[in-house]
C-alpha cells in the first residue's frame, strides 16, 4: 500500500514578474505529486506569465487528482486575478470562502 503524500506550502514572492516565472515553475515542479497550498499573502505585483504558470499548475494538479488551493491572498494578488479574468474563489481553502 502506497503512503499518502503529505501536502506542501508554497509562499509566493512579493513580485511575480517575468524574472520570477521560471523559478516559480521550478518550485511547483519540485512539489508535484503532493497536495499543495499556496500562500499569496505577500504578493505585491503579479505579471501575466506568472499568472499562466499558476493556472497551468492548477490544471496539472487537477489532472493528477491532487489538491491545489490558496490559503491566503493579498489584496494586490486578488485584484490582479480579477482584472485578468481569473476566478480563484474555487481555489480558496474552504475556511476562507465561508
N, C-alpha and C. Protein backbone atom coordinates (compact mmCIF):
# COMPACT_ATOMS: atom_id res chain seq x y z
N UNK A 1 0.84 -1.18 0.00
CA UNK A 1 0.00 0.00 0.00
C UNK A 1 0.89 1.24 0.00
N UNK A 2 0.61 2.14 -0.91
CA UNK A 2 1.42 3.36 -1.02
C UNK A 2 1.02 4.35 0.06
N UNK A 3 2.01 5.01 0.59
CA UNK A 3 1.75 6.02 1.61
C UNK A 3 1.21 7.27 0.95
N UNK A 4 0.28 7.92 1.61
CA UNK A 4 -0.27 9.17 1.08
C UNK A 4 0.77 10.27 1.23
N UNK A 5 0.99 11.02 0.16
CA UNK A 5 1.97 12.10 0.19
C UNK A 5 1.37 13.28 0.92
N UNK A 6 2.18 13.86 1.81
CA UNK A 6 1.68 14.99 2.60
C UNK A 6 1.66 16.26 1.77
N UNK A 7 0.83 17.19 2.19
CA UNK A 7 0.70 18.45 1.50
C UNK A 7 1.89 19.36 1.77
N UNK A 8 2.13 20.28 0.85
CA UNK A 8 3.23 21.23 0.98
C UNK A 8 2.70 22.64 0.79
N UNK A 9 3.41 23.60 1.35
CA UNK A 9 3.03 25.01 1.23
C UNK A 9 4.08 25.74 0.41
N UNK A 10 3.61 26.59 -0.51
CA UNK A 10 4.49 27.43 -1.32
C UNK A 10 4.15 28.88 -1.02
N UNK A 11 5.13 29.62 -0.51
CA UNK A 11 4.98 31.05 -0.27
C UNK A 11 5.43 31.79 -1.52
N UNK A 12 4.52 32.53 -2.13
CA UNK A 12 4.85 33.26 -3.35
C UNK A 12 5.69 34.50 -3.04
N UNK A 13 6.56 34.85 -3.99
CA UNK A 13 7.39 36.05 -3.87
C UNK A 13 6.52 37.30 -3.93
N UNK A 14 7.06 38.41 -3.45
CA UNK A 14 6.31 39.67 -3.46
C UNK A 14 6.08 40.16 -4.89
N UNK A 15 7.07 40.00 -5.75
CA UNK A 15 6.97 40.45 -7.14
C UNK A 15 6.99 39.22 -8.04
N UNK A 16 5.87 38.96 -8.69
CA UNK A 16 5.74 37.82 -9.61
C UNK A 16 5.79 38.34 -11.03
N UNK A 17 6.99 38.68 -11.48
CA UNK A 17 7.16 39.23 -12.82
C UNK A 17 7.86 38.21 -13.72
N UNK A 18 8.31 38.67 -14.87
CA UNK A 18 8.97 37.81 -15.84
C UNK A 18 10.16 37.07 -15.24
N UNK A 19 10.93 37.75 -14.40
CA UNK A 19 12.10 37.12 -13.78
C UNK A 19 11.74 36.01 -12.80
N UNK A 20 10.55 36.03 -12.26
CA UNK A 20 10.12 35.04 -11.28
C UNK A 20 9.40 33.86 -11.91
N UNK A 21 9.04 33.94 -13.19
CA UNK A 21 8.25 32.89 -13.82
C UNK A 21 8.96 31.54 -13.83
N UNK A 22 10.21 31.49 -14.28
CA UNK A 22 10.94 30.22 -14.32
C UNK A 22 11.20 29.67 -12.92
N UNK A 23 11.64 30.49 -11.95
CA UNK A 23 11.80 29.95 -10.59
C UNK A 23 10.49 29.44 -10.00
N UNK A 24 9.38 30.14 -10.28
CA UNK A 24 8.07 29.68 -9.79
C UNK A 24 7.73 28.33 -10.40
N UNK A 25 7.93 28.20 -11.71
CA UNK A 25 7.69 26.92 -12.38
C UNK A 25 8.52 25.80 -11.74
N UNK A 26 9.79 26.08 -11.50
CA UNK A 26 10.68 25.08 -10.92
C UNK A 26 10.24 24.67 -9.51
N UNK A 27 9.83 25.65 -8.71
CA UNK A 27 9.34 25.35 -7.36
C UNK A 27 8.10 24.46 -7.42
N UNK A 28 7.20 24.79 -8.32
CA UNK A 28 5.97 24.00 -8.46
C UNK A 28 6.28 22.59 -8.94
N UNK A 29 7.17 22.46 -9.91
CA UNK A 29 7.53 21.13 -10.41
C UNK A 29 8.16 20.28 -9.31
N UNK A 30 8.94 20.90 -8.43
CA UNK A 30 9.55 20.17 -7.32
C UNK A 30 8.50 19.67 -6.32
N UNK A 31 7.33 20.29 -6.31
CA UNK A 31 6.26 19.91 -5.38
C UNK A 31 5.24 18.97 -6.01
N UNK A 32 5.41 18.69 -7.28
CA UNK A 32 4.44 17.85 -7.98
C UNK A 32 4.36 16.48 -7.31
N UNK A 33 3.15 15.98 -7.22
CA UNK A 33 2.92 14.69 -6.58
C UNK A 33 2.40 14.82 -5.16
N UNK A 34 2.33 16.05 -4.67
CA UNK A 34 1.82 16.31 -3.32
C UNK A 34 0.69 17.33 -3.41
N UNK A 35 -0.20 17.27 -2.43
CA UNK A 35 -1.18 18.34 -2.31
C UNK A 35 -0.40 19.62 -2.03
N UNK A 36 -0.92 20.73 -2.52
CA UNK A 36 -0.19 21.99 -2.36
C UNK A 36 -1.13 23.10 -1.91
N UNK A 37 -0.60 23.94 -1.03
CA UNK A 37 -1.31 25.13 -0.56
C UNK A 37 -0.43 26.32 -0.88
N UNK A 38 -1.00 27.29 -1.56
CA UNK A 38 -0.28 28.49 -1.98
C UNK A 38 -0.59 29.63 -1.02
N UNK A 39 0.46 30.26 -0.52
CA UNK A 39 0.31 31.45 0.32
C UNK A 39 0.71 32.65 -0.53
N UNK A 40 -0.28 33.43 -0.94
CA UNK A 40 -0.05 34.61 -1.77
C UNK A 40 -0.23 35.89 -0.97
N UNK A 41 -0.06 35.81 0.34
CA UNK A 41 -0.32 36.96 1.20
C UNK A 41 0.72 38.06 1.06
N UNK A 42 1.92 37.74 0.57
CA UNK A 42 2.98 38.74 0.43
C UNK A 42 3.07 39.34 -0.97
N UNK A 43 2.23 38.90 -1.87
CA UNK A 43 2.32 39.33 -3.26
C UNK A 43 1.91 40.80 -3.39
N UNK A 44 2.79 41.57 -4.03
CA UNK A 44 2.52 42.99 -4.28
C UNK A 44 2.19 43.25 -5.75
N UNK A 45 2.75 42.41 -6.64
CA UNK A 45 2.54 42.61 -8.07
C UNK A 45 2.60 41.26 -8.78
N UNK A 46 1.69 41.06 -9.74
CA UNK A 46 1.63 39.81 -10.49
C UNK A 46 1.63 40.12 -11.98
N UNK A 47 2.53 39.46 -12.72
CA UNK A 47 2.58 39.60 -14.16
C UNK A 47 1.82 38.47 -14.85
N UNK A 48 1.61 38.65 -16.13
CA UNK A 48 0.84 37.68 -16.90
C UNK A 48 1.48 36.31 -16.98
N UNK A 49 2.81 36.26 -17.10
CA UNK A 49 3.48 34.97 -17.23
C UNK A 49 3.37 34.14 -15.95
N UNK A 50 3.52 34.77 -14.81
CA UNK A 50 3.36 34.03 -13.54
C UNK A 50 1.91 33.60 -13.34
N UNK A 51 0.98 34.41 -13.82
CA UNK A 51 -0.42 34.00 -13.77
C UNK A 51 -0.63 32.73 -14.59
N UNK A 52 -0.03 32.68 -15.77
CA UNK A 52 -0.13 31.48 -16.61
C UNK A 52 0.52 30.28 -15.95
N UNK A 53 1.66 30.48 -15.29
CA UNK A 53 2.33 29.38 -14.59
C UNK A 53 1.42 28.82 -13.50
N UNK A 54 0.79 29.70 -12.74
CA UNK A 54 -0.11 29.25 -11.67
C UNK A 54 -1.33 28.53 -12.24
N UNK A 55 -1.89 29.04 -13.33
CA UNK A 55 -3.05 28.38 -13.94
C UNK A 55 -2.68 27.01 -14.51
N UNK A 56 -1.51 26.91 -15.11
CA UNK A 56 -1.05 25.62 -15.64
C UNK A 56 -0.83 24.64 -14.50
N UNK A 57 -0.28 25.13 -13.40
CA UNK A 57 -0.06 24.26 -12.23
C UNK A 57 -1.40 23.77 -11.68
N UNK A 58 -2.37 24.67 -11.59
CA UNK A 58 -3.69 24.27 -11.07
C UNK A 58 -4.28 23.17 -11.94
N UNK A 59 -4.15 23.30 -13.25
CA UNK A 59 -4.67 22.28 -14.17
C UNK A 59 -3.91 20.96 -14.01
N UNK A 60 -2.61 21.04 -13.84
CA UNK A 60 -1.79 19.84 -13.65
C UNK A 60 -2.19 19.11 -12.37
N UNK A 61 -2.35 19.87 -11.27
CA UNK A 61 -2.74 19.24 -10.01
C UNK A 61 -4.14 18.62 -10.13
N UNK A 62 -5.03 19.28 -10.87
CA UNK A 62 -6.37 18.74 -11.09
C UNK A 62 -6.29 17.42 -11.86
N UNK A 63 -5.47 17.39 -12.89
CA UNK A 63 -5.32 16.16 -13.68
C UNK A 63 -4.68 15.04 -12.85
N UNK A 64 -3.80 15.43 -11.93
CA UNK A 64 -3.16 14.44 -11.04
C UNK A 64 -4.07 14.06 -9.88
N UNK A 65 -5.24 14.67 -9.81
CA UNK A 65 -6.22 14.43 -8.75
C UNK A 65 -5.64 14.73 -7.35
N UNK A 66 -4.94 15.86 -7.29
CA UNK A 66 -4.36 16.33 -6.04
C UNK A 66 -4.93 17.71 -5.72
N UNK A 67 -4.85 18.09 -4.47
CA UNK A 67 -5.38 19.37 -4.02
C UNK A 67 -4.42 20.51 -4.35
N UNK A 68 -4.96 21.59 -4.91
CA UNK A 68 -4.22 22.82 -5.22
C UNK A 68 -5.09 23.95 -4.74
N UNK A 69 -4.67 24.62 -3.67
CA UNK A 69 -5.52 25.68 -3.11
C UNK A 69 -4.66 26.83 -2.60
N UNK A 70 -5.33 27.94 -2.34
CA UNK A 70 -4.70 29.12 -1.78
C UNK A 70 -5.16 29.27 -0.34
N UNK A 71 -4.22 29.45 0.58
CA UNK A 71 -4.59 29.65 1.98
C UNK A 71 -4.81 31.13 2.27
N UNK A 72 -4.01 31.97 1.63
CA UNK A 72 -4.09 33.41 1.85
C UNK A 72 -3.77 34.13 0.55
N UNK A 73 -4.40 35.30 0.37
CA UNK A 73 -4.13 36.12 -0.81
C UNK A 73 -4.07 37.58 -0.39
N UNK A 74 -3.08 38.28 -0.91
CA UNK A 74 -3.02 39.73 -0.68
C UNK A 74 -4.10 40.39 -1.54
N UNK A 75 -4.43 41.62 -1.18
CA UNK A 75 -5.40 42.37 -1.99
C UNK A 75 -4.88 42.56 -3.41
N UNK A 76 -3.57 42.84 -3.53
CA UNK A 76 -2.98 43.05 -4.85
C UNK A 76 -3.10 41.79 -5.71
N UNK A 77 -2.86 40.63 -5.12
CA UNK A 77 -2.96 39.37 -5.87
C UNK A 77 -4.40 39.13 -6.32
N UNK A 78 -5.32 39.29 -5.37
CA UNK A 78 -6.73 39.05 -5.67
C UNK A 78 -7.26 40.02 -6.74
N UNK A 79 -6.91 41.29 -6.63
CA UNK A 79 -7.37 42.28 -7.60
C UNK A 79 -6.79 42.03 -8.99
N UNK A 80 -5.52 41.65 -9.04
CA UNK A 80 -4.90 41.35 -10.33
C UNK A 80 -5.58 40.15 -10.98
N UNK A 81 -5.87 39.13 -10.22
CA UNK A 81 -6.55 37.96 -10.77
C UNK A 81 -7.92 38.35 -11.33
N UNK A 82 -8.63 39.21 -10.61
CA UNK A 82 -9.92 39.68 -11.09
C UNK A 82 -9.78 40.48 -12.37
N UNK A 83 -8.77 41.34 -12.44
CA UNK A 83 -8.55 42.18 -13.62
C UNK A 83 -8.26 41.36 -14.87
N UNK A 84 -7.53 40.27 -14.72
CA UNK A 84 -7.20 39.44 -15.89
C UNK A 84 -8.26 38.36 -16.13
N UNK A 85 -9.31 38.36 -15.32
CA UNK A 85 -10.43 37.45 -15.55
C UNK A 85 -10.25 36.05 -15.00
N UNK A 86 -9.38 35.92 -13.99
CA UNK A 86 -9.15 34.61 -13.39
C UNK A 86 -9.94 34.51 -12.09
N UNK A 87 -10.81 33.52 -12.01
CA UNK A 87 -11.61 33.29 -10.81
C UNK A 87 -10.87 32.33 -9.91
N UNK A 88 -10.39 32.81 -8.79
CA UNK A 88 -9.65 31.95 -7.86
C UNK A 88 -10.49 31.56 -6.65
N UNK A 89 -11.75 31.98 -6.62
CA UNK A 89 -12.60 31.67 -5.46
C UNK A 89 -12.69 30.17 -5.20
N UNK A 90 -12.78 29.38 -6.26
CA UNK A 90 -12.89 27.93 -6.07
C UNK A 90 -11.59 27.31 -5.57
N UNK A 91 -10.49 28.08 -5.62
CA UNK A 91 -9.20 27.58 -5.16
C UNK A 91 -8.89 27.98 -3.73
N UNK A 92 -9.73 28.83 -3.14
CA UNK A 92 -9.52 29.23 -1.76
C UNK A 92 -9.83 28.09 -0.82
N UNK A 93 -9.07 27.99 0.24
CA UNK A 93 -9.35 26.97 1.25
C UNK A 93 -10.78 27.17 1.75
N UNK A 94 -11.46 26.09 2.05
CA UNK A 94 -12.87 26.16 2.45
C UNK A 94 -13.09 27.11 3.63
N UNK A 95 -12.14 27.15 4.56
CA UNK A 95 -12.31 28.01 5.73
C UNK A 95 -12.37 29.48 5.34
N UNK A 96 -11.67 29.85 4.28
CA UNK A 96 -11.62 31.26 3.84
C UNK A 96 -12.88 31.64 3.09
N UNK A 97 -13.44 30.72 2.31
CA UNK A 97 -14.61 31.01 1.48
C UNK A 97 -15.85 31.29 2.30
N UNK A 98 -15.94 30.77 3.49
CA UNK A 98 -17.16 30.88 4.29
C UNK A 98 -17.33 32.21 4.92
